[in-house]
Protein backbone atom coordinates (compact mmCIF):
# COMPACT_ATOMS: atom_id res chain seq x y z
CA MET A 1 -34.11 -52.14 78.97
CA ILE A 2 -33.31 -53.92 75.72
CA GLU A 3 -32.87 -50.53 74.09
CA ARG A 4 -30.41 -49.46 76.82
CA LEU A 5 -28.39 -52.67 76.38
CA PHE A 6 -28.24 -52.12 72.69
CA VAL A 7 -27.11 -48.47 73.18
CA ASN A 8 -24.43 -49.51 75.69
CA PHE A 9 -23.18 -52.21 73.37
CA ARG A 10 -23.12 -49.78 70.47
CA ASN A 11 -21.19 -47.25 72.59
CA PHE A 12 -18.71 -49.92 73.60
CA LEU A 13 -18.08 -50.90 70.00
CA TRP A 14 -17.75 -47.25 69.08
CA ASN A 15 -15.40 -46.42 71.96
CA TYR A 16 -13.69 -49.82 72.40
CA PRO A 17 -10.20 -48.28 71.93
CA VAL A 18 -10.85 -46.01 74.99
CA TYR A 19 -12.08 -48.91 77.12
CA ILE A 20 -9.15 -51.11 76.11
CA SER A 21 -6.77 -48.28 76.79
CA LYS A 22 -8.19 -47.75 80.28
CA LEU A 23 -8.05 -51.49 80.95
CA TYR A 24 -4.48 -51.65 79.67
CA LYS A 25 -3.34 -48.73 81.93
CA ARG A 26 -5.17 -50.12 84.94
CA PHE A 27 -3.27 -53.43 84.85
CA SER A 28 0.03 -52.00 83.67
CA PRO A 29 2.81 -53.27 83.57
CA LEU A 30 1.30 -56.80 83.57
CA SER A 31 -0.77 -55.92 80.51
CA PHE A 32 2.33 -54.71 78.71
CA ILE A 33 4.19 -57.97 79.46
CA ILE A 34 1.23 -60.14 78.32
CA THR A 35 0.92 -58.14 75.08
CA CYS A 36 4.61 -58.55 74.30
CA ILE A 37 4.42 -62.30 74.98
CA ILE A 38 1.42 -62.70 72.65
CA ILE A 39 3.09 -60.71 69.83
CA PHE A 40 6.40 -62.53 70.23
CA SER A 41 4.66 -65.96 70.28
CA LEU A 42 2.71 -65.18 67.13
CA LEU A 43 5.85 -64.02 65.38
CA ILE A 44 7.81 -67.08 66.37
CA PHE A 45 4.93 -69.39 65.33
CA TYR A 46 4.73 -67.63 61.96
CA LEU A 47 8.44 -67.88 61.28
CA PHE A 48 8.93 -71.44 62.43
CA SER A 49 5.52 -73.07 62.07
CA ILE A 50 6.80 -75.39 59.38
CA LYS A 51 9.78 -76.35 61.52
CA PHE A 52 7.55 -76.94 64.54
CA PHE A 53 5.28 -79.11 62.43
CA SER A 54 8.11 -81.23 61.17
CA LEU A 55 9.56 -81.63 64.65
CA ASN A 56 6.22 -82.81 65.96
CA ILE A 57 6.34 -85.57 63.37
CA LEU A 58 9.85 -86.56 64.33
CA LYS A 59 9.21 -86.35 68.05
CA SER A 60 6.65 -89.06 67.61
CA ASN A 61 9.81 -91.17 67.26
CA THR A 62 8.83 -92.16 63.75
CA TYR A 63 10.71 -91.37 60.54
CA ARG A 64 8.70 -91.26 57.33
CA SER A 65 10.44 -91.61 53.99
CA GLY A 66 8.84 -91.46 50.54
CA LEU A 67 9.59 -93.12 47.24
CA VAL A 68 7.88 -93.62 43.88
CA SER A 69 6.67 -97.11 43.11
CA GLU A 70 3.83 -98.54 41.08
CA ASN A 71 2.72 -101.06 43.71
CA MET A 72 3.55 -102.64 47.03
CA ILE A 73 4.35 -106.09 45.77
CA TYR A 74 7.34 -107.22 47.81
CA ASN A 75 9.50 -110.16 48.62
CA PRO A 76 13.24 -109.89 49.25
CA TYR A 77 14.00 -111.26 45.78
CA ASN A 78 11.39 -109.39 43.72
CA GLU A 79 12.91 -108.33 40.40
CA ASN A 80 9.86 -106.36 39.22
CA ASN A 81 9.98 -103.67 41.91
CA LYS A 82 13.71 -103.20 42.59
CA THR A 83 13.64 -99.76 44.20
CA LEU A 84 11.08 -100.77 46.78
CA ARG A 85 12.70 -104.17 47.32
CA ASN A 86 16.18 -102.74 47.80
CA ASP A 87 15.04 -100.07 50.28
CA ILE A 88 13.15 -102.61 52.36
CA ASN A 89 16.04 -105.05 52.20
CA GLU A 90 18.56 -102.39 53.29
CA LEU A 91 16.47 -101.70 56.38
CA THR A 92 15.77 -105.34 57.15
CA PHE A 93 18.85 -107.36 56.10
CA ASN A 94 22.63 -107.26 55.88
CA THR A 95 25.08 -108.66 53.39
CA LEU A 96 28.57 -110.06 53.92
CA VAL A 97 30.33 -106.94 52.62
CA SER A 98 29.61 -103.64 50.90
CA VAL A 99 31.60 -102.04 48.13
CA THR A 100 32.38 -98.31 48.00
CA PRO A 101 32.55 -96.19 44.80
CA LYS A 102 36.34 -96.37 45.06
CA ASN A 103 36.10 -100.16 44.85
CA THR A 104 37.20 -100.66 48.46
CA ILE A 105 35.53 -103.40 50.49
CA GLN A 106 33.86 -102.81 53.85
CA GLY A 107 32.88 -105.65 56.15
CA GLU A 108 29.25 -106.11 57.15
CA ILE A 109 28.47 -109.57 58.59
CA ALA A 110 31.95 -110.56 57.48
CA LYS A 111 34.55 -109.32 59.96
CA SER A 112 37.55 -110.13 57.81
CA TRP A 113 38.59 -112.10 54.70
CA LYS A 114 41.63 -113.19 52.79
CA ILE A 115 42.28 -113.97 49.15
CA LEU A 116 44.49 -116.93 48.35
CA SER A 117 47.27 -116.59 45.77
CA ASN A 118 45.22 -118.13 42.98
CA ASN A 119 42.71 -115.23 43.23
CA THR A 120 39.85 -117.75 43.01
CA THR A 121 39.60 -118.73 46.70
CA PHE A 122 38.17 -116.37 49.31
CA ILE A 123 37.94 -117.18 53.00
CA PHE A 124 35.62 -115.07 55.16
CA ASN A 125 35.52 -114.85 58.95
CA LEU A 126 32.08 -113.95 60.27
CA ARG A 127 31.24 -111.68 63.20
CA LYS A 128 30.11 -113.55 66.29
CA ASN A 129 27.90 -110.75 67.64
CA VAL A 130 25.33 -110.65 64.81
CA PHE A 131 21.80 -111.82 65.63
CA PHE A 132 18.65 -112.33 63.60
CA GLN A 133 15.63 -110.26 64.71
CA ASN A 134 14.27 -113.28 66.58
CA GLY A 135 17.37 -113.37 68.81
CA VAL A 136 19.12 -116.29 67.12
CA ASN A 137 22.84 -115.92 66.44
CA VAL A 138 23.97 -115.84 62.80
CA ASN A 139 26.46 -118.51 61.79
CA ALA A 140 28.13 -120.01 58.72
CA THR A 141 25.18 -122.40 58.07
CA ASP A 142 22.86 -119.41 57.53
CA VAL A 143 25.31 -117.71 55.18
CA VAL A 144 25.91 -120.81 53.04
CA TYR A 145 22.15 -121.45 52.88
CA SER A 146 21.48 -117.81 51.87
CA PHE A 147 23.93 -117.91 48.99
CA ASN A 148 22.77 -121.27 47.69
CA PHE A 149 19.10 -120.24 47.97
CA LYS A 150 19.76 -117.30 45.64
CA LYS A 151 21.94 -119.35 43.31
CA THR A 152 19.27 -122.09 43.02
CA ASN A 153 16.29 -119.82 42.56
CA PHE A 154 17.96 -117.11 40.47
CA PRO A 155 20.58 -118.92 38.38
CA SER A 156 23.04 -116.79 36.41
CA ALA A 157 26.40 -117.13 34.74
CA VAL A 158 27.97 -115.11 37.50
CA LEU A 159 26.65 -117.27 40.34
CA SER A 160 27.32 -120.51 38.53
CA ASN A 161 30.99 -119.61 38.64
CA ILE A 162 30.92 -119.58 42.47
CA THR A 163 30.58 -122.30 45.09
CA VAL A 164 30.61 -121.87 48.88
CA LYS A 165 31.24 -124.21 51.78
CA LYS A 166 31.28 -124.03 55.58
CA LEU A 167 34.69 -124.34 57.23
CA SER A 168 33.53 -123.82 60.82
CA ASN A 169 30.65 -122.11 62.65
CA TYR A 170 32.05 -118.66 61.80
CA GLN A 171 34.15 -119.28 58.70
CA ILE A 172 33.18 -119.96 55.06
CA GLU A 173 35.06 -120.41 51.82
CA PHE A 174 34.09 -119.27 48.31
CA ASN A 175 35.68 -120.98 45.32
CA LEU A 176 35.54 -119.65 41.79
CA ASN A 177 35.91 -121.62 38.52
CA LYS A 178 37.72 -118.58 37.05
CA ILE A 179 38.82 -115.12 38.20
CA ASP A 180 35.92 -112.73 38.76
CA VAL A 181 36.99 -109.11 39.09
CA THR A 182 33.54 -108.12 40.36
CA PHE A 183 33.35 -110.95 42.88
CA PHE A 184 32.64 -108.72 45.89
CA GLU A 185 29.77 -107.14 44.02
CA ASP A 186 28.48 -110.52 42.86
CA ILE A 187 28.14 -111.79 46.44
CA ASN A 188 25.77 -109.00 47.36
CA PHE A 189 23.18 -111.47 48.68
CA ILE A 190 21.09 -110.95 51.81
CA ILE A 191 21.62 -113.16 54.87
CA VAL A 192 18.47 -115.04 55.90
CA PRO A 193 17.90 -117.76 58.53
CA PHE A 194 18.62 -121.34 57.53
CA SER A 195 15.70 -123.07 55.78
CA SER A 196 13.61 -119.87 55.41
CA ASN A 197 11.83 -119.34 52.08
CA TYR A 198 10.84 -115.72 51.64
CA LEU A 199 9.86 -116.28 48.05
CA THR A 200 6.60 -117.82 49.18
CA ASN A 201 6.22 -116.60 52.77
CA THR A 202 6.63 -112.87 53.46
CA LYS A 203 4.41 -112.53 56.54
CA HIS A 204 7.14 -113.00 59.11
CA ILE A 205 10.39 -111.89 57.56
CA ILE A 206 13.44 -112.13 59.81
CA GLY A 207 16.67 -110.35 58.99
CA THR A 208 19.69 -108.93 60.77
CA GLY A 209 19.15 -105.25 59.84
CA PRO A 210 18.35 -102.22 62.03
CA TYR A 211 14.60 -102.48 61.44
CA ARG A 212 12.15 -105.37 61.35
CA LEU A 213 9.36 -105.27 58.78
CA ASP A 214 6.13 -105.12 60.81
CA TYR A 215 3.49 -105.05 58.08
CA LEU A 216 2.67 -103.89 54.54
CA THR A 217 -0.34 -102.04 53.19
CA LYS A 218 -1.04 -100.86 49.66
CA ARG A 219 0.72 -97.59 50.29
CA GLU A 220 3.31 -98.11 53.02
CA ALA A 221 5.75 -100.46 54.72
CA VAL A 222 5.97 -100.13 58.48
CA PHE A 223 9.08 -101.14 60.46
CA ASN A 224 9.89 -101.45 64.16
CA ARG A 225 13.48 -100.96 65.32
CA PHE A 226 15.60 -103.95 66.20
CA SER A 227 17.18 -103.10 69.52
CA GLY A 228 19.69 -105.97 69.15
CA TYR A 229 21.18 -104.63 65.92
CA TYR A 230 24.90 -105.43 66.00
CA LYS A 231 25.98 -101.91 64.99
CA GLY A 232 23.85 -100.19 67.63
CA LYS A 233 20.22 -99.60 68.66
CA PRO A 234 18.46 -97.30 66.13
CA HIS A 235 17.20 -93.97 67.50
CA PHE A 236 13.78 -93.95 65.79
CA LYS A 237 11.36 -96.47 67.18
CA LYS A 238 9.43 -96.73 63.91
CA PHE A 239 10.39 -96.27 60.28
CA ILE A 240 7.78 -95.92 57.55
CA LEU A 241 8.31 -96.15 53.81
CA LYS A 242 5.44 -94.36 52.08
CA ILE A 243 4.71 -95.28 48.48
CA TYR A 244 3.55 -92.74 45.85
CA LYS A 245 2.58 -93.44 42.25
CA SER A 246 4.32 -90.41 40.77
CA ASP A 247 6.92 -87.77 41.45
CA SER A 248 4.27 -85.09 41.59
CA LYS A 249 2.37 -86.91 44.37
CA LEU A 250 5.57 -87.51 46.31
CA THR A 251 6.67 -83.91 46.04
CA LYS A 252 3.18 -82.75 47.08
CA ALA A 253 3.56 -84.78 50.26
CA LEU A 254 6.95 -83.19 50.88
CA ASN A 255 5.66 -79.69 50.21
CA ASN A 256 2.81 -80.34 52.66
CA HIS A 257 5.32 -81.63 55.23
CA LYS A 258 3.81 -85.06 55.49
CA LEU A 259 7.26 -86.72 55.12
CA ASP A 260 10.64 -86.40 56.73
CA GLY A 261 12.58 -87.45 53.68
CA ALA A 262 12.44 -88.89 50.16
CA PHE A 263 14.50 -90.41 47.34
CA PHE A 264 14.37 -89.48 43.65
CA ASP A 265 16.19 -90.83 40.58
CA TYR A 266 15.99 -87.35 39.03
CA TYR A 267 15.59 -83.93 40.61
CA PRO A 268 11.81 -83.40 40.94
CA GLN A 269 10.80 -80.19 39.23
CA SER A 270 7.52 -80.14 41.13
CA PHE A 271 9.32 -79.88 44.53
CA ASN A 272 9.21 -76.31 45.77
CA PHE A 273 12.47 -76.22 47.65
CA LYS A 274 12.27 -72.44 48.20
CA ASN A 275 9.17 -72.85 50.31
CA SER A 276 10.57 -75.84 52.13
CA ARG A 277 14.16 -74.80 52.74
CA ASN A 278 13.39 -74.18 56.45
CA THR A 279 12.50 -77.87 56.76
CA PHE A 280 14.56 -79.87 54.28
CA ASN A 281 18.06 -80.23 52.96
CA ILE A 282 18.75 -81.61 49.46
CA TYR A 283 21.63 -84.05 49.06
CA SER A 284 22.99 -85.63 45.92
CA ALA A 285 25.39 -88.47 45.25
CA HIS A 286 27.17 -89.25 41.98
CA ASN A 287 26.03 -92.39 40.24
CA ILE A 288 29.23 -94.02 38.98
CA ARG A 289 27.65 -97.26 37.77
CA ASP A 290 24.59 -96.39 35.69
CA TYR A 291 24.30 -94.02 32.75
CA ILE A 292 22.14 -93.01 29.82
CA ALA A 293 23.51 -93.55 26.30
CA LEU A 294 22.37 -93.69 22.69
CA PHE A 295 23.53 -96.92 21.13
CA PHE A 296 23.78 -97.28 17.31
CA ASN A 297 23.26 -100.59 15.65
CA LEU A 298 26.45 -100.54 13.60
CA LYS A 299 24.96 -103.05 11.15
CA ASN A 300 22.18 -100.60 10.26
CA VAL A 301 23.92 -97.22 10.81
CA THR A 302 27.09 -97.76 8.83
CA ASP A 303 27.77 -94.14 7.99
CA GLN A 304 30.13 -92.85 10.66
CA ASN A 305 29.43 -89.24 9.67
CA ILE A 306 25.88 -89.66 10.97
CA ARG A 307 27.19 -91.00 14.25
CA TYR A 308 29.65 -88.08 14.50
CA ALA A 309 26.78 -85.65 13.89
CA PHE A 310 24.88 -87.09 16.86
CA GLU A 311 28.04 -86.98 19.00
CA TYR A 312 28.76 -83.29 18.32
CA ASP A 313 25.15 -82.17 18.53
CA THR A 314 24.48 -83.56 22.03
CA PRO A 315 24.92 -80.79 24.63
CA ARG A 316 25.54 -82.86 27.73
CA LYS A 317 26.35 -79.95 30.07
CA GLU A 318 23.33 -77.92 28.94
CA LEU A 319 21.09 -80.93 29.44
CA ILE A 320 22.34 -81.39 32.98
CA LYS A 321 22.14 -77.69 33.90
CA ASN A 322 18.78 -76.80 32.34
CA VAL A 323 16.85 -80.05 32.31
CA ILE A 324 17.89 -82.00 35.39
CA SER A 325 18.78 -78.96 37.54
CA SER A 326 22.54 -79.67 37.66
CA PHE A 327 21.97 -82.96 39.45
CA GLY A 328 23.96 -85.17 37.13
CA THR A 329 27.34 -85.93 35.53
CA PRO A 330 28.21 -85.73 31.80
CA TRP A 331 29.67 -88.93 30.33
CA TYR A 332 32.16 -88.94 27.41
CA SER A 333 33.27 -92.55 27.70
CA PRO A 334 31.87 -95.86 29.02
CA ILE A 335 33.38 -95.07 32.47
CA SER A 336 32.30 -92.32 34.89
CA GLU A 337 34.78 -89.55 35.60
CA TYR A 338 34.27 -90.31 39.28
CA SER A 339 35.36 -93.95 38.90
CA TRP A 340 38.80 -95.08 39.93
CA ALA A 341 39.20 -96.49 36.41
CA TYR A 342 38.49 -93.28 34.48
CA ASP A 343 41.31 -92.18 32.18
CA THR A 344 41.93 -88.44 32.56
CA SER A 345 44.65 -88.19 29.91
CA SER A 346 44.12 -85.67 27.14
CA ASN A 347 44.73 -88.18 24.32
CA ILE A 348 41.33 -89.76 24.92
CA GLN A 349 38.82 -88.52 22.33
CA ARG A 350 35.84 -86.75 23.92
CA PHE A 351 33.03 -85.39 21.79
CA HIS A 352 32.12 -81.95 23.19
CA TYR A 353 29.08 -80.02 21.94
CA ASN A 354 29.80 -78.38 18.58
CA PRO A 355 26.74 -77.97 16.36
CA VAL A 356 28.86 -76.40 13.59
CA LYS A 357 30.89 -79.57 13.35
CA ALA A 358 27.76 -81.68 13.52
CA ALA A 359 26.26 -79.79 10.56
CA LYS A 360 29.46 -80.30 8.56
CA TYR A 361 29.31 -84.06 9.06
CA LEU A 362 25.73 -84.05 7.78
CA ASN A 363 26.86 -81.97 4.77
CA ALA A 364 23.53 -80.09 4.58
CA ASN A 365 21.58 -83.37 4.47
CA GLU A 366 18.65 -84.11 6.75
CA ILE A 367 18.16 -87.53 8.25
CA SER A 368 15.21 -89.19 9.96
CA MET A 369 15.50 -91.98 12.48
CA ASN A 370 13.28 -93.92 14.80
CA ILE A 371 14.91 -94.36 18.22
CA TYR A 372 13.63 -96.93 20.67
CA THR A 373 13.87 -95.71 24.22
CA LEU A 374 13.26 -96.97 27.75
CA ASN A 375 9.95 -95.61 29.07
CA THR A 376 11.48 -94.61 32.40
CA ILE A 377 13.56 -91.82 30.78
CA PRO A 378 11.63 -88.57 31.44
CA ASN A 379 9.85 -86.83 28.57
CA ARG A 380 11.69 -83.61 29.27
CA ILE A 381 14.97 -85.35 28.46
CA LEU A 382 13.58 -86.75 25.22
CA ASN A 383 12.04 -83.43 24.13
CA PHE A 384 15.30 -81.60 24.85
CA LEU A 385 17.32 -84.02 22.72
CA LYS A 386 14.76 -84.03 19.93
CA ASN A 387 14.77 -80.25 19.67
CA LYS A 388 18.56 -79.98 19.76
CA TRP A 389 19.11 -82.63 17.11
CA SER A 390 16.49 -81.12 14.82
CA ASN A 391 18.42 -77.85 14.70
CA VAL A 392 21.08 -79.45 12.52
CA GLY A 393 18.75 -81.64 10.49
CA ILE A 394 18.53 -84.80 12.63
CA ASN A 395 14.80 -85.62 12.92
CA VAL A 396 14.02 -88.36 15.40
CA LYS A 397 10.94 -90.14 16.65
CA PHE A 398 11.14 -91.77 20.04
CA ILE A 399 9.37 -95.08 20.50
CA LYS A 400 8.90 -95.88 24.17
CA GLU A 401 9.24 -99.42 25.46
CA ASN A 402 9.51 -101.15 28.82
CA GLU A 403 12.50 -103.28 29.85
CA SER A 404 11.02 -106.49 28.47
CA SER A 405 9.98 -105.16 25.08
CA ILE A 406 13.23 -103.22 24.54
CA ASP A 407 15.13 -106.46 25.21
CA LEU A 408 13.08 -108.14 22.48
CA THR A 409 13.85 -105.24 20.12
CA ILE A 410 17.55 -105.64 20.79
CA LYS A 411 17.38 -109.40 20.15
CA SER A 412 15.56 -108.81 16.88
CA GLY A 413 18.31 -106.57 15.55
CA LYS A 414 15.70 -104.50 13.71
CA TYR A 415 16.64 -101.08 15.01
CA LYS A 416 18.99 -98.25 14.14
CA ALA A 417 19.39 -96.75 17.61
CA ILE A 418 18.34 -97.34 21.18
CA LEU A 419 18.40 -94.77 23.95
CA THR A 420 18.53 -96.64 27.23
CA GLU A 421 19.96 -96.80 30.72
CA ILE A 422 22.91 -99.08 31.36
CA LYS A 423 23.23 -100.71 34.75
CA GLY A 424 26.93 -101.07 35.28
CA SER A 425 29.20 -102.29 38.05
CA ILE A 426 31.52 -100.52 40.47
CA ASP A 427 34.43 -102.19 38.75
CA PRO A 428 33.69 -100.91 35.23
CA ASN A 429 34.15 -104.25 33.49
CA ASN A 430 32.62 -103.67 30.05
CA PHE A 431 32.87 -107.25 28.75
CA SER A 432 29.16 -107.95 28.65
CA LEU A 433 28.27 -104.75 26.75
CA TRP A 434 31.03 -104.59 24.12
CA TYR A 435 32.41 -108.09 23.54
CA SER A 436 31.53 -109.05 19.98
CA LYS A 437 29.81 -112.36 20.88
CA SER A 438 27.94 -111.06 23.93
CA ILE A 439 24.15 -111.17 23.80
CA ASN A 440 24.17 -107.72 25.48
CA ASN A 441 26.23 -106.10 22.74
CA ILE A 442 23.56 -103.53 21.78
CA SER A 443 25.68 -101.77 19.14
CA ASN A 444 26.82 -105.06 17.48
CA LEU A 445 30.39 -103.86 17.81
CA ASN A 446 32.89 -106.34 16.42
CA VAL A 447 36.47 -105.18 16.90
CA SER A 448 39.18 -107.77 17.56
CA GLN A 449 41.40 -105.31 19.51
CA ILE A 450 38.57 -104.44 21.87
CA ASP A 451 37.70 -108.10 22.31
CA ARG A 452 41.27 -108.85 23.34
CA LEU A 453 41.32 -105.99 25.85
CA LEU A 454 38.01 -107.09 27.35
CA VAL A 455 39.16 -110.71 27.69
CA VAL A 456 42.40 -109.68 29.35
CA GLY A 457 40.58 -107.24 31.66
CA GLU A 458 38.41 -110.08 32.93
CA THR A 459 41.37 -112.25 33.87
CA ILE A 460 43.58 -109.77 35.74
CA TYR A 461 42.79 -109.38 39.42
CA SER A 462 45.37 -106.66 40.13
CA ILE A 463 43.62 -103.29 40.11
CA LYS A 464 46.78 -101.51 38.92
CA ASN A 465 47.15 -103.81 35.87
CA ARG A 466 43.45 -103.75 35.21
CA LYS A 467 43.53 -99.98 35.19
CA THR A 468 46.06 -100.09 32.34
CA ILE A 469 43.78 -102.33 30.31
CA TYR A 470 40.75 -100.09 31.00
CA ASP A 471 42.75 -97.02 29.85
CA LEU A 472 43.54 -98.71 26.54
CA PHE A 473 39.90 -99.71 26.11
CA GLN A 474 38.78 -96.11 26.65
CA SER A 475 41.24 -94.88 24.03
CA VAL A 476 40.15 -97.39 21.35
CA LEU A 477 36.36 -97.44 21.70
CA PRO A 478 35.65 -93.82 20.61
CA GLN A 479 37.31 -94.44 17.24
CA TYR A 480 34.30 -96.53 16.25
CA THR A 481 31.59 -94.21 17.74
CA PRO A 482 29.23 -97.10 18.71
CA ALA A 483 27.34 -94.93 21.18
CA VAL A 484 26.74 -91.38 22.38
CA PHE A 485 27.48 -91.49 26.09
CA MET A 486 25.33 -88.76 27.65
CA TYR A 487 25.03 -88.51 31.40
CA SER A 488 24.25 -90.19 34.69
CA PRO A 489 21.54 -88.68 36.90
CA ASP A 490 22.57 -88.15 40.50
CA TYR A 491 20.79 -89.85 43.33
CA ILE A 492 18.68 -87.14 44.99
CA TYR A 493 17.92 -87.35 48.70
CA ILE A 494 15.69 -84.94 50.61
CA ALA A 495 15.88 -85.08 54.39
CA ASN A 496 14.60 -83.09 57.34
CA LYS A 497 17.12 -80.52 58.58
CA ASN A 498 16.60 -81.61 62.13
CA ILE A 499 18.20 -85.02 61.62
CA LYS A 500 21.88 -85.42 62.34
CA ASN A 501 24.31 -88.20 61.35
CA ILE A 502 22.76 -88.55 57.90
CA ASN A 503 25.50 -89.74 55.54
CA PHE A 504 24.95 -89.77 51.80
CA THR A 505 28.60 -90.21 50.89
CA ASN A 506 30.02 -93.46 49.52
CA ILE A 507 26.70 -94.09 47.76
CA THR A 508 27.21 -97.02 45.40
CA TYR A 509 23.60 -98.05 45.07
CA SER A 510 20.60 -95.75 45.68
CA TYR A 511 19.45 -97.73 48.73
CA TYR A 512 22.78 -97.07 50.46
CA GLN A 513 20.99 -93.98 51.78
CA PHE A 514 20.09 -96.22 54.71
CA GLN A 515 23.62 -97.54 55.28
CA ASN A 516 23.84 -95.78 58.65
CA VAL A 517 20.13 -95.32 59.36
CA TYR A 518 20.70 -96.67 62.92
CA LYS A 519 22.66 -93.48 63.67
CA TRP A 520 19.98 -91.02 62.52
CA ARG A 521 18.66 -88.90 65.39
CA LEU A 522 17.16 -85.53 66.20
CA LEU A 523 19.36 -82.51 66.60
CA TYR A 524 17.36 -81.46 69.69
């Protein structure tokens, strides 16, 4: 019997196409329909499996966003972990106003405002429909407390110029000791409840934003939506910020579809967009405030021919195209070409790449120079510059430092050049960086004409008149070649294709990616 079973099984395996064919014909056309359904389902699953996977994540009503950060240390005022702090704050809190790249002001908790004729008094009217995440209505007492808390705990020359007082429950007044052309940027403080102290207690943070911080772990921050948000109830019930220690780990999570979005300072070369284009869109926003530049210490690099050689042997456009994947903007002056204050006239000197000219300025001589650089600038940028400069006889050695140590180097004055990132303002007031007596004057520039322009620019509130001053400043500064302005990296945002209402325009700060997060929702 066992032998017969074996023989029958063998015959079935040998003749299985015949048996299947008979079975198929016997139940036709049902068998035909079932076969077509199976094949079609497999094909659809193969073509859209990634999309299905991502949708399953989103349909859990949770949005997961990734960023690179060394640790999860957070309080709303933490200066050591600004990217993480700012992202969490944007989700949790609101400010009085926001400032667009065109230097226009948009109301947040402030409904309206007026500027008195002296340009040093500002009166703000607050919205009456704004609530903290515990249900308590926001009023002028909270706003005055919030500003004074920051001013007391984080004193600065900017804040010391400003005082605030309550006029009524929904009206406040700011008074300035002198005109401040960046005033609306300077009052970018978060609104917290009266008497709260989030410097020491971060377990139960209450804000006015679209999401309330639920809890923190070593690798993520978890938020629950605030249904009473004054702009509208957020679509996603939960929002999770996932923390990664490197770009490569963050891009691996994206490539494995464990995230719905991410933010990068630079385009991540390890992100395989070709394999992920069915799931993600890549967005970029021009950074008009911050830029990378090589600053010469004019006291130690007195030969202007050397500075000209650096200027003409820096291929900005090639760097952007080949090194940062076209996600950036070349800079030829201390003001971005996308800024309202940029001078487009042809009489402004701009140093375009010309290695032949660079070699002529060196006159067949080779030079060697140590350049101190911020350790956050990627190695691929440094290697590119080093190779390009060496082609004409400029041999450099980069010495990496963190923000604290590079500040000490600048204060010492014992350097020839520093390659660093400048954190600017929306209104491109350059007083701090170029005024001869400023402690932030990296290049040690000392030009009386520039000093006069900078002083006047700080005291004129009219944008039209200030633009005239800024144009003159841009025309004079290149004559002294105190720095090689290079580029600004774009803000890079990666987001799931199935999300609508994402808006990465009017990005002034990187965390403005969440400016309308309450509107994000699924396409389906």
